[in-house]
Amino acid sequence: MVEDILKLKRELLNPKRSDRFEVWMQLTYGWKLFSVVVGNKTAKVRSVHGNEKHSMSIRQLKEELTKIYWYAARQDASRIAREEGRKKRKRSWERDYA
């Protein structure tokens, strides 16, 4: 899940009009795979499995996608630190994902 989110860096940090992608998000009922369609002023977010649908403004979508990307980046940096035998992430971990 984290690797899938990190692969969509461009779409998550700077969504453009007419972008279509699928991303793991936590909106109402926990983590689900959502299909996102970005429009001119609003975006449609639908769960791939199930009936959950949301319509949100571009500003709200950008905030949510940015939070999701940085959450995944933080988790990935922590995983790498644990694999290297460290308790904490290295100080410059944000530069690796920006």
Protein backbone atom coordinates (compact mmCIF):
# COMPACT_ATOMS: atom_id res chain seq x y z
CA MET A 1 0.00 0.00 0.00
CA VAL A 2 2.76 2.48 0.94
CA GLU A 3 4.75 1.69 -2.19
CA ASP A 4 1.64 2.23 -4.35
CA ILE A 5 1.08 5.64 -2.79
CA LEU A 6 4.70 6.70 -3.25
CA LYS A 7 4.60 5.77 -6.95
CA LEU A 8 1.86 8.39 -7.47
CA LYS A 9 3.96 11.30 -6.21
CA ARG A 10 3.21 13.70 -9.08
CA GLU A 11 -0.54 13.07 -9.00
CA LEU A 12 -0.76 13.35 -5.22
CA LEU A 13 1.31 16.48 -4.69
CA ASN A 14 0.10 18.37 -7.77
CA PRO A 15 -3.17 17.02 -9.24
CA LYS A 16 -4.11 18.47 -12.63
CA ARG A 17 -7.48 18.76 -14.32
CA SER A 18 -8.59 15.54 -16.05
CA ASP A 19 -6.22 13.35 -14.01
CA ARG A 20 -7.55 9.88 -13.24
CA PHE A 21 -5.83 7.55 -10.81
CA GLU A 22 -6.44 5.01 -8.06
CA VAL A 23 -5.02 5.57 -4.61
CA TRP A 24 -5.39 4.13 -1.11
CA MET A 25 -7.19 6.66 1.10
CA GLN A 26 -8.79 6.77 4.51
CA LEU A 27 -11.93 8.89 4.33
CA THR A 28 -14.93 7.51 6.24
CA TYR A 29 -14.64 3.78 6.83
CA GLY A 30 -10.91 3.06 7.03
CA TRP A 31 -8.33 2.48 4.30
CA LYS A 32 -9.85 1.70 0.89
CA LEU A 33 -8.77 1.86 -2.71
CA PHE A 34 -10.40 4.90 -4.32
CA SER A 35 -10.70 6.01 -7.91
CA VAL A 36 -10.08 9.76 -8.19
CA VAL A 37 -11.20 11.92 -11.11
CA VAL A 38 -10.02 15.53 -10.98
CA GLY A 39 -12.22 18.12 -12.62
CA ASN A 40 -12.03 21.88 -13.03
CA LYS A 41 -13.35 22.94 -9.60
CA THR A 42 -14.29 19.65 -7.95
CA ALA A 43 -13.05 16.10 -7.79
CA LYS A 44 -15.02 12.87 -7.64
CA VAL A 45 -13.70 10.20 -5.32
CA ARG A 46 -15.29 6.73 -5.54
CA SER A 47 -14.34 3.54 -3.80
CA VAL A 48 -13.30 0.78 -6.19
CA HIS A 49 -15.06 -1.85 -4.08
CA GLY A 50 -18.27 -0.75 -2.44
CA ASN A 51 -20.59 2.20 -2.78
CA GLU A 52 -18.72 5.02 -1.07
CA LYS A 53 -18.73 8.28 -3.10
CA HIS A 54 -17.43 11.73 -2.27
CA SER A 55 -17.38 15.01 -4.13
CA MET A 56 -14.84 17.53 -2.86
CA SER A 57 -13.32 20.80 -3.94
CA ILE A 58 -9.85 20.87 -5.45
CA ARG A 59 -8.48 22.56 -2.32
CA GLN A 60 -9.86 19.83 -0.05
CA LEU A 61 -8.56 17.13 -2.40
CA LYS A 62 -5.05 18.63 -2.48
CA GLU A 63 -4.95 18.79 1.32
CA GLU A 64 -6.10 15.19 1.64
CA LEU A 65 -3.71 13.85 -1.01
CA THR A 66 -0.77 15.76 0.49
CA LYS A 67 -1.51 14.27 3.92
CA ILE A 68 -1.70 10.79 2.41
CA TYR A 69 1.59 11.18 0.53
CA TRP A 70 3.53 12.44 3.54
CA TYR A 71 2.01 9.74 5.74
CA ALA A 72 3.29 7.11 3.30
CA ALA A 73 6.69 8.80 3.06
CA ARG A 74 7.01 8.88 6.85
CA GLN A 75 6.09 5.20 7.09
CA ASP A 76 8.57 4.25 4.38
CA ALA A 77 11.39 6.24 5.98
CA SER A 78 10.66 4.57 9.33
CA ARG A 79 10.71 1.13 7.69
CA ILE A 80 14.07 1.86 6.07
CA ALA A 81 15.49 3.06 9.40
CA ARG A 82 14.33 -0.13 11.14
CA GLU A 83 15.89 -2.26 8.42
CA GLU A 84 19.19 -0.42 8.94
CA GLY A 85 18.99 -1.04 12.68
CA ARG A 86 18.17 2.51 13.78
CA LYS A 87 15.36 3.55 16.12
CA LYS A 88 14.65 6.89 14.43
CA ARG A 89 14.45 8.18 10.89
CA LYS A 90 17.51 10.05 9.70
CA ARG A 91 17.36 13.81 9.98
CA SER A 92 17.13 14.51 6.25
CA TRP A 93 14.43 11.93 5.43
CA GLU A 94 12.05 14.59 4.04
CA ARG A 95 14.55 15.59 1.35
CA ASP A 96 14.54 12.04 -0.01
CA TYR A 97 10.79 12.21 -0.66
CA ALA A 98 10.30 15.86 -1.65
